[in-house]
Amino acid sequence: MAFVLVVRMTAREGEQDRAVELIGELSAASAAEPGNVHYLAHRDPDDPWVFLMYEQYRDKAAFEEHGQTEHFKTLGAGELFGLMENRERA
């Protein structure tokens, strides 16, 4: 069964541009993973600090593999998450 994750993130003041760069890089690399079905990034048109990520993986194992990739460790956990005021998983 597919595994879906939705994440809502709010960037810290002044970090929006760097967040956009990192999200673009992370999205491209993640979408190329063999277990990835969809990796979509959105920016709230009414609140430029808010980003929504929709991730769908083949199964939970593919999601767990995503968490072990170099691009996730470097771009996501390594830098992007530090630019965020908060992150909420749905």
PDB file of N, CA and C in Angstrom:
ATOM      1  N   MET A   1       0.842  -1.184   0.000  1.00  0.00           N
ATOM      2  CA  MET A   1       0.000   0.000   0.000  1.00  0.00           C
ATOM      3  C   MET A   1       0.883   1.242   0.000  1.00  0.00           C
ATOM      4  N   ALA A   2       0.458   2.255  -0.720  1.00  0.00           N
ATOM      5  CA  ALA A   2       1.219   3.508  -0.798  1.00  0.00           C
ATOM      6  C   ALA A   2       1.320   4.165   0.576  1.00  0.00           C
ATOM      7  N   PHE A   3       2.397   4.904   0.762  1.00  0.00           N
ATOM      8  CA  PHE A   3       2.622   5.655   1.996  1.00  0.00           C
ATOM      9  C   PHE A   3       2.646   7.130   1.623  1.00  0.00           C
ATOM     10  N   VAL A   4       1.788   7.930   2.274  1.00  0.00           N
ATOM     11  CA  VAL A   4       1.661   9.354   1.958  1.00  0.00           C
ATOM     12  C   VAL A   4       2.014  10.183   3.178  1.00  0.00           C
ATOM     13  N   LEU A   5       2.706  11.269   2.925  1.00  0.00           N
ATOM     14  CA  LEU A   5       3.089  12.204   3.975  1.00  0.00           C
ATOM     15  C   LEU A   5       2.821  13.613   3.462  1.00  0.00           C
ATOM     16  N   VAL A   6       2.205  14.426   4.301  1.00  0.00           N
ATOM     17  CA  VAL A   6       1.989  15.835   3.990  1.00  0.00           C
ATOM     18  C   VAL A   6       2.665  16.635   5.095  1.00  0.00           C
ATOM     19  N   VAL A   7       3.504  17.570   4.705  1.00  0.00           N
ATOM     20  CA  VAL A   7       4.237  18.379   5.677  1.00  0.00           C
ATOM     21  C   VAL A   7       3.973  19.854   5.394  1.00  0.00           C
ATOM     22  N   ARG A   8       3.619  20.583   6.427  1.00  0.00           N
ATOM     23  CA  ARG A   8       3.425  22.037   6.335  1.00  0.00           C
ATOM     24  C   ARG A   8       4.561  22.679   7.112  1.00  0.00           C
ATOM     25  N   MET A   9       5.305  23.555   6.458  1.00  0.00           N
ATOM     26  CA  MET A   9       6.458  24.196   7.081  1.00  0.00           C
ATOM     27  C   MET A   9       6.331  25.710   6.967  1.00  0.00           C
ATOM     28  N   THR A  10       6.773  26.392   8.001  1.00  0.00           N
ATOM     29  CA  THR A  10       6.795  27.853   7.996  1.00  0.00           C
ATOM     30  C   THR A  10       8.237  28.308   8.154  1.00  0.00           C
ATOM     31  N   ALA A  11       8.726  29.057   7.171  1.00  0.00           N
ATOM     32  CA  ALA A  11      10.115  29.527   7.200  1.00  0.00           C
ATOM     33  C   ALA A  11      10.278  30.679   8.184  1.00  0.00           C
ATOM     34  N   ARG A  12      11.471  30.769   8.734  1.00  0.00           N
ATOM     35  CA  ARG A  12      11.808  31.910   9.588  1.00  0.00           C
ATOM     36  C   ARG A  12      11.924  33.166   8.721  1.00  0.00           C
ATOM     37  N   GLU A  13      11.699  34.295   9.326  1.00  0.00           N
ATOM     38  CA  GLU A  13      11.826  35.589   8.642  1.00  0.00           C
ATOM     39  C   GLU A  13      13.194  35.675   7.961  1.00  0.00           C
ATOM     40  N   GLY A  14      13.198  36.037   6.691  1.00  0.00           N
ATOM     41  CA  GLY A  14      14.436  36.213   5.946  1.00  0.00           C
ATOM     42  C   GLY A  14      15.012  34.943   5.346  1.00  0.00           C
ATOM     43  N   GLU A  15      14.397  33.795   5.597  1.00  0.00           N
ATOM     44  CA  GLU A  15      14.934  32.522   5.107  1.00  0.00           C
ATOM     45  C   GLU A  15      14.138  31.953   3.928  1.00  0.00           C
ATOM     46  N   GLN A  16      13.137  32.694   3.462  1.00  0.00           N
ATOM     47  CA  GLN A  16      12.257  32.174   2.421  1.00  0.00           C
ATOM     48  C   GLN A  16      12.994  31.851   1.121  1.00  0.00           C
ATOM     49  N   ASP A  17      13.873  32.725   0.668  1.00  0.00           N
ATOM     50  CA  ASP A  17      14.554  32.504  -0.609  1.00  0.00           C
ATOM     51  C   ASP A  17      15.437  31.264  -0.562  1.00  0.00           C
ATOM     52  N   ARG A  18      16.179  31.098   0.509  1.00  0.00           N
ATOM     53  CA  ARG A  18      17.025  29.908   0.640  1.00  0.00           C
ATOM     54  C   ARG A  18      16.157  28.658   0.755  1.00  0.00           C
ATOM     55  N   ALA A  19      15.039  28.766   1.456  1.00  0.00           N
ATOM     56  CA  ALA A  19      14.130  27.627   1.575  1.00  0.00           C
ATOM     57  C   ALA A  19      13.620  27.203   0.202  1.00  0.00           C
ATOM     58  N   VAL A  20      13.275  28.162  -0.643  1.00  0.00           N
ATOM     59  CA  VAL A  20      12.799  27.853  -1.997  1.00  0.00           C
ATOM     60  C   VAL A  20      13.879  27.104  -2.778  1.00  0.00           C
ATOM     61  N   GLU A  21      15.116  27.551  -2.681  1.00  0.00           N
ATOM     62  CA  GLU A  21      16.225  26.878  -3.376  1.00  0.00           C
ATOM     63  C   GLU A  21      16.366  25.437  -2.905  1.00  0.00           C
ATOM     64  N   LEU A  22      16.394  25.249  -1.594  1.00  0.00           N
ATOM     65  CA  LEU A  22      16.576  23.910  -1.036  1.00  0.00           C
ATOM     66  C   LEU A  22      15.406  22.995  -1.363  1.00  0.00           C
ATOM     67  N   ILE A  23      14.196  23.523  -1.285  1.00  0.00           N
ATOM     68  CA  ILE A  23      13.019  22.718  -1.604  1.00  0.00           C
ATOM     69  C   ILE A  23      13.063  22.278  -3.066  1.00  0.00           C
ATOM     70  N   GLY A  24      13.495  23.150  -3.950  1.00  0.00           N
ATOM     71  CA  GLY A  24      13.626  22.780  -5.356  1.00  0.00           C
ATOM     72  C   GLY A  24      14.626  21.652  -5.562  1.00  0.00           C
ATOM     73  N   GLU A  25      15.784  21.765  -4.931  1.00  0.00           N
ATOM     74  CA  GLU A  25      16.809  20.722  -5.048  1.00  0.00           C
ATOM     75  C   GLU A  25      16.335  19.412  -4.432  1.00  0.00           C
ATOM     76  N   LEU A  26      15.748  19.501  -3.248  1.00  0.00           N
ATOM     77  CA  LEU A  26      15.274  18.306  -2.556  1.00  0.00           C
ATOM     78  C   LEU A  26      14.140  17.640  -3.333  1.00  0.00           C
ATOM     79  N   SER A  27      13.248  18.430  -3.888  1.00  0.00           N
ATOM     80  CA  SER A  27      12.129  17.885  -4.660  1.00  0.00           C
ATOM     81  C   SER A  27      12.620  17.119  -5.881  1.00  0.00           C
ATOM     82  N   ALA A  28      13.556  17.696  -6.606  1.00  0.00           N
ATOM     83  CA  ALA A  28      14.073  17.040  -7.810  1.00  0.00           C
ATOM     84  C   ALA A  28      14.767  15.726  -7.472  1.00  0.00           C
ATOM     85  N   ALA A  29      15.610  15.744  -6.456  1.00  0.00           N
ATOM     86  CA  ALA A  29      16.335  14.530  -6.076  1.00  0.00           C
ATOM     87  C   ALA A  29      15.381  13.471  -5.530  1.00  0.00           C
ATOM     88  N   SER A  30      14.421  13.884  -4.734  1.00  0.00           N
ATOM     89  CA  SER A  30      13.481  12.933  -4.133  1.00  0.00           C
ATOM     90  C   SER A  30      12.561  12.318  -5.178  1.00  0.00           C
ATOM     91  N   ALA A  31      12.121  13.112  -6.132  1.00  0.00           N
ATOM     92  CA  ALA A  31      11.239  12.607  -7.189  1.00  0.00           C
ATOM     93  C   ALA A  31      11.931  11.547  -8.039  1.00  0.00           C
ATOM     94  N   ALA A  32      13.255  11.569  -8.073  1.00  0.00           N
ATOM     95  CA  ALA A  32      14.016  10.602  -8.866  1.00  0.00           C
ATOM     96  C   ALA A  32      14.252   9.281  -8.130  1.00  0.00           C
ATOM     97  N   GLU A  33      13.880   9.201  -6.872  1.00  0.00           N
ATOM     98  CA  GLU A  33      14.063   7.958  -6.118  1.00  0.00           C
ATOM     99  C   GLU A  33      13.161   6.869  -6.701  1.00  0.00           C
ATOM    100  N   PRO A  34      13.647   5.637  -6.765  1.00  0.00           N
ATOM    101  CA  PRO A  34      12.842   4.568  -7.364  1.00  0.00           C
ATOM    102  C   PRO A  34      11.528   4.298  -6.628  1.00  0.00           C
ATOM    103  N   GLY A  35      11.473   4.524  -5.327  1.00  0.00           N
ATOM    104  CA  GLY A  35      10.255   4.260  -4.569  1.00  0.00           C
ATOM    105  C   GLY A  35       9.316   5.439  -4.462  1.00  0.00           C
ATOM    106  N   ASN A  36       9.675   6.559  -5.092  1.00  0.00           N
ATOM    107  CA  ASN A  36       8.841   7.756  -5.010  1.00  0.00           C
ATOM    108  C   ASN A  36       7.783   7.739  -6.105  1.00  0.00           C
ATOM    109  N   VAL A  37       6.549   8.044  -5.728  1.00  0.00           N
ATOM    110  CA  VAL A  37       5.449   8.141  -6.685  1.00  0.00           C
ATOM    111  C   VAL A  37       5.197   9.608  -7.032  1.00  0.00           C
ATOM    112  N   HIS A  38       5.104  10.458  -6.003  1.00  0.00           N
ATOM    113  CA  HIS A  38       4.909  11.905  -6.180  1.00  0.00           C
ATOM    114  C   HIS A  38       5.691  12.641  -5.104  1.00  0.00           C
ATOM    115  N   TYR A  39       6.290  13.746  -5.477  1.00  0.00           N
ATOM    116  CA  TYR A  39       6.945  14.631  -4.512  1.00  0.00           C
ATOM    117  C   TYR A  39       6.648  16.044  -4.991  1.00  0.00           C
ATOM    118  N   LEU A  40       5.645  16.646  -4.396  1.00  0.00           N
ATOM    119  CA  LEU A  40       5.159  17.946  -4.855  1.00  0.00           C
ATOM    120  C   LEU A  40       5.353  19.000  -3.778  1.00  0.00           C
ATOM    121  N   ALA A  41       5.899  20.128  -4.172  1.00  0.00           N
ATOM    122  CA  ALA A  41       6.115  21.239  -3.246  1.00  0.00           C
ATOM    123  C   ALA A  41       5.243  22.410  -3.667  1.00  0.00           C
ATOM    124  N   HIS A  42       4.622  23.037  -2.690  1.00  0.00           N
ATOM    125  CA  HIS A  42       3.754  24.188  -2.940  1.00  0.00           C
ATOM    126  C   HIS A  42       4.125  25.309  -1.985  1.00  0.00           C
ATOM    127  N   ARG A  43       3.922  26.531  -2.440  1.00  0.00           N
ATOM    128  CA  ARG A  43       4.115  27.702  -1.589  1.00  0.00           C
ATOM    129  C   ARG A  43       2.774  28.414  -1.478  1.00  0.00           C
ATOM    130  N   ASP A  44       2.401  28.759  -0.271  1.00  0.00           N
ATOM    131  CA  ASP A  44       1.116  29.423  -0.042  1.00  0.00           C
ATOM    132  C   ASP A  44       1.120  30.783  -0.734  1.00  0.00           C
ATOM    133  N   PRO A  45       0.193  31.022  -1.667  1.00  0.00           N
ATOM    134  CA  PRO A  45       0.184  32.306  -2.379  1.00  0.00           C
ATOM    135  C   PRO A  45      -0.178  33.492  -1.482  1.00  0.00           C
ATOM    136  N   ASP A  46      -0.818  33.216  -0.357  1.00  0.00           N
ATOM    137  CA  ASP A  46      -1.210  34.289   0.559  1.00  0.00           C
ATOM    138  C   ASP A  46      -0.225  34.492   1.702  1.00  0.00           C
ATOM    139  N   ASP A  47       0.669  33.534   1.898  1.00  0.00           N
ATOM    140  CA  ASP A  47       1.643  33.617   2.988  1.00  0.00           C
ATOM    141  C   ASP A  47       2.966  33.042   2.493  1.00  0.00           C
ATOM    142  N   PRO A  48       3.880  33.873   2.005  1.00  0.00           N
ATOM    143  CA  PRO A  48       5.112  33.388   1.379  1.00  0.00           C
ATOM    144  C   PRO A  48       6.062  32.652   2.317  1.00  0.00           C
ATOM    145  N   TRP A  49       5.764  32.611   3.589  1.00  0.00           N
ATOM    146  CA  TRP A  49       6.599  31.879   4.537  1.00  0.00           C
ATOM    147  C   TRP A  49       6.170  30.420   4.656  1.00  0.00           C
ATOM    148  N   VAL A  50       4.995  30.093   4.131  1.00  0.00           N
ATOM    149  CA  VAL A  50       4.420  28.757   4.325  1.00  0.00           C
ATOM    150  C   VAL A  50       4.603  27.890   3.079  1.00  0.00           C
ATOM    151  N   PHE A  51       5.092  26.666   3.321  1.00  0.00           N
ATOM    152  CA  PHE A  51       5.316  25.683   2.263  1.00  0.00           C
ATOM    153  C   PHE A  51       4.572  24.403   2.624  1.00  0.00           C
ATOM    154  N   LEU A  52       4.044  23.733   1.614  1.00  0.00           N
ATOM    155  CA  LEU A  52       3.355  22.466   1.811  1.00  0.00           C
ATOM    156  C   LEU A  52       4.007  21.436   0.908  1.00  0.00           C
ATOM    157  N   MET A  53       4.395  20.325   1.493  1.00  0.00           N
ATOM    158  CA  MET A  53       5.021  19.245   0.741  1.00  0.00           C
ATOM    159  C   MET A  53       4.079  18.044   0.756  1.00  0.00           C
ATOM    160  N   TYR A  54       3.808  17.494  -0.427  1.00  0.00           N
ATOM    161  CA  TYR A  54       3.017  16.275  -0.549  1.00  0.00           C
ATOM    162  C   TYR A  54       3.954  15.209  -1.088  1.00  0.00           C
ATOM    163  N   GLU A  55       4.139  14.148  -0.307  1.00  0.00           N
ATOM    164  CA  GLU A  55       5.051  13.077  -0.687  1.00  0.00           C
ATOM    165  C   GLU A  55       4.292  11.760  -0.716  1.00  0.00           C
ATOM    166  N   GLN A  56       4.435  11.014  -1.799  1.00  0.00           N
ATOM    167  CA  GLN A  56       3.824   9.688  -1.885  1.00  0.00           C
ATOM    168  C   GLN A  56       4.903   8.702  -2.313  1.00  0.00           C
ATOM    169  N   TYR A  57       4.988   7.620  -1.556  1.00  0.00           N
ATOM    170  CA  TYR A  57       5.976   6.581  -1.810  1.00  0.00           C
ATOM    171  C   TYR A  57       5.266   5.263  -2.101  1.00  0.00           C
ATOM    172  N   ARG A  58       5.964   4.377  -2.764  1.00  0.00           N
ATOM    173  CA  ARG A  58       5.424   3.064  -3.119  1.00  0.00           C
ATOM    174  C   ARG A  58       4.880   2.355  -1.879  1.00  0.00           C
ATOM    175  N   ASP A  59       5.625   2.443  -0.776  1.00  0.00           N
ATOM    176  CA  ASP A  59       5.232   1.824   0.488  1.00  0.00           C
ATOM    177  C   ASP A  59       6.055   2.456   1.607  1.00  0.00           C
ATOM    178  N   LYS A  60       5.825   2.020   2.837  1.00  0.00           N
ATOM    179  CA  LYS A  60       6.530   2.616   3.965  1.00  0.00           C
ATOM    180  C   LYS A  60       8.036   2.369   3.871  1.00  0.00           C
ATOM    181  N   ALA A  61       8.426   1.228   3.352  1.00  0.00           N
ATOM    182  CA  ALA A  61       9.858   0.934   3.200  1.00  0.00           C
ATOM    183  C   ALA A  61      10.525   1.954   2.272  1.00  0.00           C
ATOM    184  N   ALA A  62       9.851   2.345   1.208  1.00  0.00           N
ATOM    185  CA  ALA A  62      10.405   3.348   0.284  1.00  0.00           C
ATOM    186  C   ALA A  62      10.540   4.697   0.979  1.00  0.00           C
ATOM    187  N   PHE A  63       9.570   5.037   1.832  1.00  0.00           N
ATOM    188  CA  PHE A  63       9.665   6.279   2.608  1.00  0.00           C
ATOM    189  C   PHE A  63      10.865   6.222   3.552  1.00  0.00           C
ATOM    190  N   GLU A  64      11.045   5.096   4.211  1.00  0.00           N
ATOM    191  CA  GLU A  64      12.178   4.949   5.124  1.00  0.00           C
ATOM    192  C   GLU A  64      13.502   5.032   4.374  1.00  0.00           C
ATOM    193  N   GLU A  65      13.553   4.483   3.169  1.00  0.00           N
ATOM    194  CA  GLU A  65      14.754   4.594   2.334  1.00  0.00           C
ATOM    195  C   GLU A  65      15.021   6.056   1.984  1.00  0.00           C
ATOM    196  N   HIS A  66      13.972   6.814   1.715  1.00  0.00           N
ATOM    197  CA  HIS A  66      14.106   8.245   1.426  1.00  0.00           C
ATOM    198  C   HIS A  66      14.824   8.954   2.571  1.00  0.00           C
ATOM    199  N   GLY A  67      14.461   8.613   3.793  1.00  0.00           N
ATOM    200  CA  GLY A  67      15.080   9.241   4.961  1.00  0.00           C
ATOM    201  C   GLY A  67      16.558   8.931   5.117  1.00  0.00           C
ATOM    202  N   GLN A  68      17.044   7.921   4.418  1.00  0.00           N
ATOM    203  CA  GLN A  68      18.452   7.539   4.491  1.00  0.00           C
ATOM    204  C   GLN A  68      19.279   8.059   3.315  1.00  0.00           C
ATOM    205  N   THR A  69      18.640   8.737   2.378  1.00  0.00           N
ATOM    206  CA  THR A  69      19.371   9.227   1.211  1.00  0.00           C
ATOM    207  C   THR A  69      20.267  10.406   1.581  1.00  0.00           C
ATOM    208  N   GLU A  70      21.315  10.551   0.828  1.00  0.00           N
ATOM    209  CA  GLU A  70      22.250  11.655   1.069  1.00  0.00           C
ATOM    210  C   GLU A  70      21.570  13.010   0.860  1.00  0.00           C
ATOM    211  N   HIS A  71      20.736  13.117  -0.170  1.00  0.00           N
ATOM    212  CA  HIS A  71      20.086  14.411  -0.421  1.00  0.00           C
ATOM    213  C   HIS A  71      19.129  14.781   0.706  1.00  0.00           C
ATOM    214  N   PHE A  72      18.421  13.818   1.284  1.00  0.00           N
ATOM    215  CA  PHE A  72      17.541  14.151   2.408  1.00  0.00           C
ATOM    216  C   PHE A  72      18.366  14.558   3.625  1.00  0.00           C
ATOM    217  N   LYS A  73      19.410  13.796   3.912  1.00  0.00           N
ATOM    218  CA  LYS A  73      20.242  14.103   5.087  1.00  0.00           C
ATOM    219  C   LYS A  73      20.921  15.463   4.954  1.00  0.00           C
ATOM    220  N   THR A  74      21.364  15.809   3.755  1.00  0.00           N
ATOM    221  CA  THR A  74      22.089  17.059   3.537  1.00  0.00           C
ATOM    222  C   THR A  74      21.153  18.250   3.337  1.00  0.00           C
ATOM    223  N   LEU A  75      20.230  18.130   2.392  1.00  0.00           N
ATOM    224  CA  LEU A  75      19.360  19.259   2.044  1.00  0.00           C
ATOM    225  C   LEU A  75      18.195  19.426   3.008  1.00  0.00           C
ATOM    226  N   GLY A  76      17.550  18.331   3.360  1.00  0.00           N
ATOM    227  CA  GLY A  76      16.377  18.394   4.229  1.00  0.00           C
ATOM    228  C   GLY A  76      16.759  18.549   5.687  1.00  0.00           C
ATOM    229  N   ALA A  77      17.140  17.438   6.287  1.00  0.00           N
ATOM    230  CA  ALA A  77      17.482  17.442   7.711  1.00  0.00           C
ATOM    231  C   ALA A  77      18.707  18.299   7.991  1.00  0.00           C
ATOM    232  N   GLY A  78      19.635  18.353   7.039  1.00  0.00           N
ATOM    233  CA  GLY A  78      20.875  19.076   7.267  1.00  0.00           C
ATOM    234  C   GLY A  78      20.768  20.582   7.204  1.00  0.00           C
ATOM    235  N   GLU A  79      19.889  21.102   6.345  1.00  0.00           N
ATOM    236  CA  GLU A  79      19.812  22.561   6.204  1.00  0.00           C
ATOM    237  C   GLU A  79      18.383  23.102   6.219  1.00  0.00           C
ATOM    238  N   LEU A  80      17.506  22.536   5.397  1.00  0.00           N
ATOM    239  CA  LEU A  80      16.156  23.089   5.260  1.00  0.00           C
ATOM    240  C   LEU A  80      15.410  23.152   6.589  1.00  0.00           C
ATOM    241  N   PHE A  81      15.434  22.077   7.337  1.00  0.00           N
ATOM    242  CA  PHE A  81      14.677  22.055   8.591  1.00  0.00           C
ATOM    243  C   PHE A  81      15.145  23.140   9.549  1.00  0.00           C
ATOM    244  N   GLY A  82      16.409  23.499   9.492  1.00  0.00           N
ATOM    245  CA  GLY A  82      16.938  24.555  10.350  1.00  0.00           C
ATOM    246  C   GLY A  82      16.458  25.949   9.981  1.00  0.00           C
ATOM    247  N   LEU A  83      15.941  26.106   8.763  1.00  0.00           N
ATOM    248  CA  LEU A  83      15.421  27.401   8.321  1.00  0.00           C
ATOM    249  C   LEU A  83      13.962  27.604   8.712  1.00  0.00           C
ATOM    250  N   MET A  84      13.359  26.561   9.257  1.00  0.00           N
ATOM    251  CA  MET A  84      11.931  26.596   9.531  1.00  0.00           C
ATOM    252  C   MET A  84      11.613  26.992  10.968  1.00  0.00           C
ATOM    253  N   GLU A  85      10.587  27.817  11.073  1.00  0.00           N
ATOM    254  CA  GLU A  85      10.063  28.193  12.384  1.00  0.00           C
ATOM    255  C   GLU A  85       9.302  27.014  12.983  1.00  0.00           C
ATOM    256  N   ASN A  86       8.571  26.294  12.121  1.00  0.00           N
ATOM    257  CA  ASN A  86       7.891  25.078  12.565  1.00  0.00           C
ATOM    258  C   ASN A  86       7.626  24.159  11.384  1.00  0.00           C
ATOM    259  N   ARG A  87       7.410  22.883  11.728  1.00  0.00           N
ATOM    260  CA  ARG A  87       7.069  21.850  10.745  1.00  0.00           C
ATOM    261  C   ARG A  87       5.976  20.992  11.355  1.00  0.00           C
ATOM    262  N   GLU A  88       4.956  20.719  10.567  1.00  0.00           N
ATOM    263  CA  GLU A  88       3.851  19.885  11.028  1.00  0.00           C
ATOM    264  C   GLU A  88       3.633  18.776  10.015  1.00  0.00           C
ATOM    265  N   ARG A  89       3.605  17.540  10.488  1.00  0.00           N
ATOM    266  CA  ARG A  89       3.324  16.403   9.619  1.00  0.00           C
ATOM    267  C   ARG A  89       1.868  16.001   9.763  1.00  0.00           C
ATOM    268  N   ALA A  90       1.263  15.687   8.643  1.00  0.00           N
ATOM    269  CA  ALA A  90      -0.137  15.224   8.671  1.00  0.00           C
ATOM    270  C   ALA A  90      -0.191  13.770   8.259  1.00  0.00           C
TER     271      ALA A  90
END
